[in-house]
């Protein structure tokens, strides 16, 4: 009885595999789709490619146009005078404080924004002032024009 069951199972697998193989090798619909797609390839001219890219929002320049643009930019740059005081660009940073953040995390954010020189000294200063528990969740805006004390007062509320 067991041998009959096993041979019947093997015969069923053989028949199913044969049917799948015949269907797979005789089905030409996928090869027709691939050949139809490959025959539709069209070679675009340089002008057509440029127009297509520009219609999709890209800026396309030839090498000569790029060099002209760079030369125009270099010639229109204003050279700073030594007599004038250079204005420093203001960096504004929004510090998002989430639950569980510590003064070390805030110091790392301020250090990455180059608003403080040393994160470790910043955290030591916070601890010396007793503000380590005054950090509350929220969004705080600080900028490079603010003094060190103003930055601390903005983020750490007592």
N, C-alpha and C. Protein backbone atom coordinates (compact mmCIF):
# COMPACT_ATOMS: atom_id res chain seq x y z
N UNK A 1 0.82 -1.17 0.00
CA UNK A 1 0.00 0.00 0.00
C UNK A 1 0.87 1.25 0.00
N UNK A 2 1.91 1.22 0.74
CA UNK A 2 2.78 2.36 0.82
C UNK A 2 3.50 2.63 -0.49
N UNK A 3 3.93 1.63 -1.18
CA UNK A 3 4.62 1.79 -2.44
C UNK A 3 3.68 2.35 -3.49
N UNK A 4 2.43 1.93 -3.50
CA UNK A 4 1.44 2.46 -4.44
C UNK A 4 1.20 3.95 -4.18
N UNK A 5 1.12 4.33 -2.92
CA UNK A 5 0.91 5.72 -2.57
C UNK A 5 2.08 6.58 -3.01
N UNK A 6 3.28 6.09 -2.79
CA UNK A 6 4.47 6.83 -3.18
C UNK A 6 4.60 6.94 -4.70
N UNK A 7 4.32 5.89 -5.40
CA UNK A 7 4.43 5.94 -6.86
C UNK A 7 3.33 6.81 -7.46
N UNK A 8 2.17 6.86 -6.86
CA UNK A 8 1.09 7.73 -7.34
C UNK A 8 1.48 9.19 -7.14
N UNK A 9 2.07 9.49 -5.99
CA UNK A 9 2.52 10.85 -5.70
C UNK A 9 3.61 11.29 -6.69
N UNK A 10 4.56 10.42 -6.96
CA UNK A 10 5.64 10.72 -7.89
C UNK A 10 5.10 10.92 -9.29
N UNK A 11 4.14 10.12 -9.68
CA UNK A 11 3.54 10.25 -11.01
C UNK A 11 2.81 11.60 -11.11
N UNK A 12 2.13 12.02 -10.08
CA UNK A 12 1.42 13.30 -10.08
C UNK A 12 2.38 14.47 -10.22
N UNK A 13 3.49 14.40 -9.52
CA UNK A 13 4.50 15.46 -9.62
C UNK A 13 5.08 15.50 -11.03
N UNK A 14 5.35 14.36 -11.61
CA UNK A 14 5.90 14.28 -12.95
C UNK A 14 4.94 14.87 -13.97
N UNK A 15 3.67 14.57 -13.84
CA UNK A 15 2.67 15.10 -14.78
C UNK A 15 2.55 16.62 -14.62
N UNK A 16 2.50 17.12 -13.38
CA UNK A 16 2.38 18.56 -13.15
C UNK A 16 3.59 19.30 -13.69
N UNK A 17 4.78 18.74 -13.49
CA UNK A 17 6.00 19.37 -14.01
C UNK A 17 5.99 19.40 -15.52
N UNK A 18 5.55 18.35 -16.14
CA UNK A 18 5.48 18.28 -17.60
C UNK A 18 4.53 19.34 -18.14
N UNK A 19 3.37 19.47 -17.53
CA UNK A 19 2.39 20.47 -17.99
C UNK A 19 2.95 21.88 -17.85
N UNK A 20 3.58 22.16 -16.71
CA UNK A 20 4.16 23.50 -16.50
C UNK A 20 5.28 23.78 -17.50
N UNK A 21 6.09 22.80 -17.79
CA UNK A 21 7.17 22.97 -18.75
C UNK A 21 6.65 23.24 -20.15
N UNK A 22 5.61 22.53 -20.56
CA UNK A 22 5.03 22.73 -21.89
C UNK A 22 4.45 24.14 -22.00
N UNK A 23 3.74 24.57 -20.97
CA UNK A 23 3.15 25.91 -21.00
C UNK A 23 4.25 26.97 -21.02
N UNK A 24 5.28 26.79 -20.24
CA UNK A 24 6.36 27.76 -20.17
C UNK A 24 7.10 27.91 -21.49
N UNK A 25 7.43 26.79 -22.11
CA UNK A 25 8.23 26.84 -23.34
C UNK A 25 7.42 27.15 -24.58
N UNK A 26 6.11 27.02 -24.54
CA UNK A 26 5.31 27.31 -25.73
C UNK A 26 4.64 28.68 -25.66
N UNK A 27 4.71 29.38 -24.55
CA UNK A 27 4.10 30.69 -24.40
C UNK A 27 5.02 31.75 -25.00
N UNK A 28 4.56 32.44 -26.07
CA UNK A 28 5.36 33.43 -26.76
C UNK A 28 4.94 34.86 -26.45
N UNK A 29 4.00 35.07 -25.55
CA UNK A 29 3.50 36.43 -25.31
C UNK A 29 4.58 37.32 -24.68
N UNK A 30 5.41 36.78 -23.79
CA UNK A 30 6.44 37.62 -23.16
C UNK A 30 7.52 38.00 -24.15
N UNK A 31 7.91 37.11 -25.03
CA UNK A 31 8.95 37.46 -25.99
C UNK A 31 8.44 38.48 -27.00
N UNK A 32 7.14 38.44 -27.32
CA UNK A 32 6.59 39.42 -28.24
C UNK A 32 6.55 40.80 -27.60
N UNK A 33 6.24 40.85 -26.29
CA UNK A 33 6.21 42.13 -25.59
C UNK A 33 7.60 42.75 -25.53
N UNK A 34 8.60 41.94 -25.25
CA UNK A 34 9.98 42.43 -25.15
C UNK A 34 10.46 42.92 -26.50
N UNK A 35 10.19 42.17 -27.55
CA UNK A 35 10.64 42.58 -28.87
C UNK A 35 9.91 43.83 -29.34
N UNK A 36 8.64 44.00 -28.95
CA UNK A 36 7.89 45.20 -29.33
C UNK A 36 8.46 46.42 -28.62
N UNK A 37 8.82 46.26 -27.35
CA UNK A 37 9.38 47.39 -26.62
C UNK A 37 10.75 47.77 -27.15
N UNK A 38 11.58 46.80 -27.48
CA UNK A 38 12.92 47.10 -27.96
C UNK A 38 12.90 47.73 -29.35
N UNK A 39 11.90 47.43 -30.14
CA UNK A 39 11.83 48.02 -31.47
C UNK A 39 11.31 49.45 -31.43
N UNK A 40 10.72 49.89 -30.29
CA UNK A 40 10.18 51.23 -30.18
C UNK A 40 11.22 52.25 -29.75
N UNK A 41 12.46 51.87 -29.53
CA UNK A 41 13.48 52.82 -29.11
C UNK A 41 13.75 53.81 -30.23
N UNK A 42 13.74 55.09 -29.84
CA UNK A 42 13.93 56.16 -30.79
C UNK A 42 15.16 56.95 -30.36
N UNK A 43 16.03 57.25 -31.28
CA UNK A 43 17.22 58.03 -30.99
C UNK A 43 16.87 59.51 -31.10
N UNK A 44 17.01 60.25 -29.99
CA UNK A 44 16.71 61.67 -29.98
C UNK A 44 17.94 62.48 -30.36
N UNK A 45 17.69 63.62 -30.97
CA UNK A 45 18.79 64.52 -31.29
C UNK A 45 19.15 65.31 -30.03
N UNK A 46 20.25 66.03 -30.07
CA UNK A 46 20.70 66.81 -28.92
C UNK A 46 19.68 67.89 -28.56
N UNK A 47 19.09 68.52 -29.56
CA UNK A 47 18.10 69.57 -29.32
C UNK A 47 16.85 68.98 -28.69
N UNK A 48 16.41 67.81 -29.18
CA UNK A 48 15.23 67.16 -28.62
C UNK A 48 15.48 66.73 -27.18
N UNK A 49 16.68 66.21 -26.89
CA UNK A 49 17.01 65.82 -25.52
C UNK A 49 17.01 67.02 -24.60
N UNK A 50 17.60 68.14 -25.06
CA UNK A 50 17.65 69.36 -24.26
C UNK A 50 16.25 69.88 -23.98
N UNK A 51 15.39 69.90 -25.02
CA UNK A 51 14.01 70.36 -24.84
C UNK A 51 13.24 69.47 -23.87
N UNK A 52 13.44 68.17 -23.96
CA UNK A 52 12.74 67.23 -23.08
C UNK A 52 13.18 67.43 -21.63
N UNK A 53 14.48 67.58 -21.41
CA UNK A 53 14.98 67.79 -20.05
C UNK A 53 14.51 69.13 -19.49
N UNK A 54 14.52 70.18 -20.31
CA UNK A 54 14.07 71.49 -19.85
C UNK A 54 12.59 71.49 -19.53
N UNK A 55 11.80 70.70 -20.29
CA UNK A 55 10.36 70.63 -20.01
C UNK A 55 10.09 69.90 -18.70
N UNK A 56 11.04 69.09 -18.24
CA UNK A 56 10.90 68.38 -16.97
C UNK A 56 11.53 69.16 -15.82
N UNK A 57 12.02 70.37 -16.08
CA UNK A 57 12.51 71.22 -15.01
C UNK A 57 14.01 71.25 -14.83
N UNK A 58 14.77 70.60 -15.68
CA UNK A 58 16.22 70.60 -15.56
C UNK A 58 16.80 71.81 -16.29
N UNK A 59 17.96 72.25 -15.84
CA UNK A 59 18.69 73.31 -16.53
C UNK A 59 19.82 72.63 -17.30
N UNK A 60 19.79 72.81 -18.60
CA UNK A 60 20.76 72.14 -19.45
C UNK A 60 21.61 73.20 -20.13
N UNK A 61 22.94 73.08 -19.95
CA UNK A 61 23.86 74.01 -20.58
C UNK A 61 24.97 73.23 -21.27
N UNK A 62 25.44 73.80 -22.36
CA UNK A 62 26.62 73.21 -22.99
C UNK A 62 27.83 73.67 -22.19
N UNK A 63 28.96 73.10 -22.49
CA UNK A 63 30.18 73.46 -21.77
C UNK A 63 30.51 74.94 -21.98
N UNK A 64 30.32 75.43 -23.21
CA UNK A 64 30.60 76.83 -23.50
C UNK A 64 29.66 77.75 -22.72
N UNK A 65 28.36 77.39 -22.65
CA UNK A 65 27.41 78.20 -21.90
C UNK A 65 27.77 78.23 -20.42
N UNK A 66 28.21 77.11 -19.89
CA UNK A 66 28.60 77.03 -18.48
C UNK A 66 29.80 77.92 -18.21
N UNK A 67 30.79 77.88 -19.10
CA UNK A 67 31.98 78.72 -18.92
C UNK A 67 31.63 80.20 -18.99
N UNK A 68 30.71 80.58 -19.88
CA UNK A 68 30.28 81.97 -19.96
C UNK A 68 29.57 82.38 -18.68
N UNK A 69 28.73 81.51 -18.15
CA UNK A 69 28.01 81.81 -16.92
C UNK A 69 28.97 81.97 -15.75
N UNK A 70 29.97 81.11 -15.68
CA UNK A 70 30.96 81.20 -14.60
C UNK A 70 31.80 82.47 -14.72
N UNK A 71 32.19 82.83 -15.95
CA UNK A 71 32.96 84.05 -16.16
C UNK A 71 32.14 85.28 -15.76
N UNK A 72 30.85 85.28 -16.10
CA UNK A 72 29.99 86.41 -15.75
C UNK A 72 29.82 86.50 -14.24
N UNK A 73 29.73 85.37 -13.59
CA UNK A 73 29.59 85.38 -12.13
C UNK A 73 30.87 85.88 -11.46
N UNK A 74 32.02 85.46 -11.99
CA UNK A 74 33.28 85.91 -11.42
C UNK A 74 33.49 87.40 -11.63
N UNK A 75 33.11 87.91 -12.79
CA UNK A 75 33.31 89.33 -13.06
C UNK A 75 32.34 90.21 -12.28
N UNK A 76 31.18 89.69 -11.91
CA UNK A 76 30.21 90.50 -11.18
C UNK A 76 30.39 90.42 -9.67
N UNK A 77 31.30 89.58 -9.20
CA UNK A 77 31.55 89.51 -7.77
C UNK A 77 32.17 90.80 -7.29
N UNK A 78 31.72 91.24 -6.13
CA UNK A 78 32.26 92.46 -5.55
C UNK A 78 33.39 92.07 -4.62
N UNK A 79 34.55 92.66 -4.86
CA UNK A 79 35.69 92.38 -4.03
C UNK A 79 35.56 93.17 -2.73
N UNK A 80 35.73 92.52 -1.58
CA UNK A 80 35.58 93.26 -0.32
C UNK A 80 36.71 94.26 -0.12
N UNK A 81 36.33 95.44 0.37
CA UNK A 81 37.32 96.46 0.68
C UNK A 81 37.84 96.23 2.09
N UNK A 82 39.09 96.54 2.31
CA UNK A 82 39.66 96.41 3.64
C UNK A 82 39.11 97.47 4.58
N UNK A 83 38.66 98.61 4.02
CA UNK A 83 38.17 99.70 4.85
C UNK A 83 36.78 99.41 5.40
N UNK A 84 36.00 98.58 4.70
CA UNK A 84 34.65 98.27 5.15
C UNK A 84 34.69 97.08 6.09
N UNK A 85 33.82 97.14 7.09
CA UNK A 85 33.72 96.02 8.02
C UNK A 85 32.86 94.94 7.38
N UNK A 86 33.36 93.72 7.36
CA UNK A 86 32.62 92.62 6.75
C UNK A 86 31.47 92.23 7.66
N UNK A 87 30.31 92.04 7.05
CA UNK A 87 29.15 91.61 7.81
C UNK A 87 29.15 90.09 7.88
N UNK A 88 28.93 89.60 9.06
CA UNK A 88 28.91 88.17 9.27
C UNK A 88 27.50 87.65 9.02
N UNK A 89 27.39 86.55 8.32
CA UNK A 89 26.09 85.95 8.04
C UNK A 89 25.51 85.41 9.33
N UNK A 90 24.21 85.62 9.52
CA UNK A 90 23.53 85.16 10.72
C UNK A 90 23.00 83.75 10.47
N UNK A 91 23.36 82.85 11.37
CA UNK A 91 22.89 81.48 11.29
C UNK A 91 21.76 81.32 12.30
N UNK A 92 20.61 80.91 11.80
CA UNK A 92 19.46 80.70 12.68
C UNK A 92 19.16 79.22 12.74
N UNK A 93 18.99 78.70 13.95
CA UNK A 93 18.79 77.27 14.15
C UNK A 93 17.56 77.06 15.01
N UNK A 94 16.71 76.12 14.61
CA UNK A 94 15.57 75.73 15.43
C UNK A 94 15.96 74.45 16.14
N UNK A 95 16.01 74.51 17.46
CA UNK A 95 16.37 73.35 18.27
C UNK A 95 15.07 72.71 18.76
N UNK A 96 14.82 71.49 18.31
CA UNK A 96 13.64 70.75 18.74
C UNK A 96 14.04 69.85 19.89
N UNK A 97 13.52 70.15 21.06
CA UNK A 97 13.82 69.36 22.25
C UNK A 97 12.67 68.40 22.46
N UNK A 98 12.99 67.11 22.47
CA UNK A 98 11.98 66.07 22.67
C UNK A 98 12.11 65.52 24.09
N UNK A 99 11.09 64.78 24.51
CA UNK A 99 11.14 64.13 25.82
C UNK A 99 12.35 63.21 25.88
N UNK A 100 13.06 63.28 26.97
CA UNK A 100 14.21 62.40 27.16
C UNK A 100 15.53 62.98 26.71
N UNK A 101 15.51 64.14 26.05
CA UNK A 101 16.77 64.76 25.63
C UNK A 101 17.45 65.38 26.84
N UNK A 102 18.76 65.38 26.79
CA UNK A 102 19.55 65.96 27.88
C UNK A 102 20.31 67.17 27.37
N UNK A 103 21.00 67.84 28.30
CA UNK A 103 21.78 69.01 27.90
C UNK A 103 22.92 68.62 26.96
N UNK A 104 23.37 67.36 27.04
CA UNK A 104 24.42 66.89 26.12
C UNK A 104 23.89 66.84 24.69
N UNK A 105 22.64 66.36 24.54
CA UNK A 105 22.03 66.30 23.20
C UNK A 105 21.87 67.71 22.62
N UNK A 106 21.42 68.63 23.45
CA UNK A 106 21.25 70.02 23.00
C UNK A 106 22.60 70.61 22.64
N UNK A 107 23.62 70.32 23.45
CA UNK A 107 24.96 70.84 23.17
C UNK A 107 25.49 70.31 21.84
N UNK A 108 25.22 69.05 21.53
CA UNK A 108 25.66 68.49 20.25
C UNK A 108 24.98 69.17 19.08
N UNK A 109 23.69 69.50 19.22
CA UNK A 109 22.97 70.20 18.15
C UNK A 109 23.56 71.60 17.95
N UNK A 110 23.83 72.30 19.06
CA UNK A 110 24.40 73.64 18.96
C UNK A 110 25.83 73.62 18.42
N UNK A 111 26.56 72.57 18.74
CA UNK A 111 27.92 72.43 18.23
C UNK A 111 27.91 72.19 16.73
N UNK A 112 26.99 71.35 16.25
CA UNK A 112 26.89 71.10 14.81
C UNK A 112 26.50 72.37 14.06
N UNK A 113 25.70 73.23 14.70
CA UNK A 113 25.30 74.49 14.07
C UNK A 113 26.37 75.56 14.25
N UNK A 114 27.46 75.23 14.92
CA UNK A 114 28.59 76.13 15.17
C UNK A 114 28.17 77.37 15.96
N UNK A 115 27.25 77.17 16.92
CA UNK A 115 26.82 78.26 17.78
C UNK A 115 27.59 78.27 19.10
N UNK A 116 28.18 77.13 19.46
CA UNK A 116 29.02 77.06 20.65
C UNK A 116 30.33 76.40 20.27
N UNK A 117 31.42 76.73 20.97
CA UNK A 117 32.72 76.16 20.58
C UNK A 117 32.97 74.75 21.11
N UNK A 118 32.38 74.42 22.29
CA UNK A 118 32.70 73.13 22.90
C UNK A 118 31.46 72.59 23.61
N UNK A 119 31.01 71.39 23.23
CA UNK A 119 29.81 70.80 23.80
C UNK A 119 30.02 70.40 25.25
N UNK A 120 31.19 69.89 25.58
CA UNK A 120 31.46 69.44 26.95
C UNK A 120 31.45 70.61 27.92
N UNK A 121 32.09 71.72 27.53
CA UNK A 121 32.09 72.90 28.39
C UNK A 121 30.69 73.48 28.54
N UNK A 122 29.89 73.38 27.48
CA UNK A 122 28.52 73.86 27.53
C UNK A 122 27.72 73.07 28.58
N UNK A 123 27.85 71.74 28.55
CA UNK A 123 27.11 70.93 29.52
C UNK A 123 27.62 71.16 30.94
N UNK A 124 28.92 71.37 31.09
CA UNK A 124 29.45 71.68 32.42
C UNK A 124 28.90 73.01 32.93
N UNK A 125 28.76 73.98 32.03
CA UNK A 125 28.22 75.28 32.41
C UNK A 125 26.75 75.16 32.81
N UNK A 126 26.01 74.33 32.08
CA UNK A 126 24.60 74.11 32.41
C UNK A 126 24.48 73.49 33.80
N UNK A 127 25.33 72.51 34.09
CA UNK A 127 25.31 71.87 35.40
C UNK A 127 25.75 72.83 36.50
N UNK A 128 26.72 73.69 36.21
CA UNK A 128 27.19 74.65 37.20
C UNK A 128 26.10 75.67 37.53
N UNK A 129 25.28 76.00 36.54
CA UNK A 129 24.18 76.94 36.77
C UNK A 129 22.95 76.26 37.38
N UNK A 130 22.97 74.92 37.43
CA UNK A 130 21.84 74.19 38.00
C UNK A 130 20.63 74.12 37.07
N UNK A 131 20.88 74.18 35.76
CA UNK A 131 19.79 74.20 34.79
C UNK A 131 19.56 72.85 34.11
N UNK A 132 20.24 71.79 34.55
CA UNK A 132 20.10 70.51 33.86
C UNK A 132 18.68 69.97 33.91
N UNK A 133 17.89 70.36 34.93
CA UNK A 133 16.49 69.91 35.03
C UNK A 133 15.52 70.93 34.46
N UNK A 134 16.01 72.02 33.93
CA UNK A 134 15.16 73.08 33.39
C UNK A 134 14.89 72.91 31.90
N UNK A 135 15.35 71.82 31.31
CA UNK A 135 15.15 71.58 29.88
C UNK A 135 13.75 71.02 29.67
N UNK A 136 12.95 71.71 28.89
CA UNK A 136 11.57 71.31 28.62
C UNK A 136 11.40 71.04 27.13
N UNK A 137 10.50 70.09 26.76
CA UNK A 137 10.25 69.82 25.34
C UNK A 137 9.67 71.04 24.64
N UNK A 138 10.05 71.19 23.39
CA UNK A 138 9.55 72.29 22.58
C UNK A 138 10.52 72.66 21.48
N UNK A 139 10.16 73.68 20.72
CA UNK A 139 11.02 74.18 19.64
C UNK A 139 11.54 75.55 20.05
N UNK A 140 12.85 75.72 19.97
CA UNK A 140 13.49 76.96 20.37
C UNK A 140 14.34 77.47 19.22
N UNK A 141 14.19 78.76 18.90
CA UNK A 141 14.94 79.36 17.81
C UNK A 141 16.08 80.19 18.39
N UNK A 142 17.28 79.85 17.98
CA UNK A 142 18.47 80.58 18.39
C UNK A 142 19.25 80.96 17.13
N UNK A 143 20.05 82.03 17.24
CA UNK A 143 20.85 82.42 16.08
C UNK A 143 22.24 82.83 16.52
N UNK A 144 23.11 83.05 15.55
CA UNK A 144 24.51 83.33 15.84
C UNK A 144 24.73 84.74 16.39
N UNK A 145 23.73 85.61 16.33
CA UNK A 145 23.85 86.94 16.92
C UNK A 145 23.63 86.92 18.42
N UNK A 146 23.05 85.84 18.93
CA UNK A 146 22.76 85.75 20.36
C UNK A 146 24.04 85.46 21.13
N UNK A 147 24.10 85.99 22.33
CA UNK A 147 25.26 85.71 23.18
C UNK A 147 25.10 84.31 23.78
N UNK A 148 26.15 83.85 24.39
CA UNK A 148 26.16 82.52 25.02
C UNK A 148 25.06 82.44 26.07
N UNK A 149 24.91 83.47 26.89
CA UNK A 149 23.90 83.49 27.95
C UNK A 149 22.49 83.56 27.37
N UNK A 150 22.31 84.28 26.27
CA UNK A 150 20.99 84.37 25.64
C UNK A 150 20.57 83.02 25.07
N UNK A 151 21.52 82.27 24.52
CA UNK A 151 21.21 80.93 24.00
C UNK A 151 20.75 80.03 25.14
N UNK A 152 21.46 80.08 26.26
CA UNK A 152 21.10 79.26 27.42
C UNK A 152 19.74 79.68 27.95
N UNK A 153 19.49 80.98 28.05
CA UNK A 153 18.22 81.47 28.57
C UNK A 153 17.05 81.10 27.67
N UNK A 154 17.29 81.01 26.37
CA UNK A 154 16.23 80.67 25.44
C UNK A 154 15.84 79.20 25.54
N UNK A 155 16.81 78.33 25.65
CA UNK A 155 16.53 76.89 25.64
C UNK A 155 16.20 76.36 27.03
N UNK A 156 16.92 76.80 28.03
CA UNK A 156 16.74 76.29 29.39
C UNK A 156 15.93 77.29 30.19
N UNK A 157 14.66 76.95 30.44
CA UNK A 157 13.79 77.84 31.20
C UNK A 157 13.72 77.34 32.64
N UNK A 158 13.82 78.25 33.58
CA UNK A 158 13.81 77.88 34.99
C UNK A 158 12.41 77.90 35.56
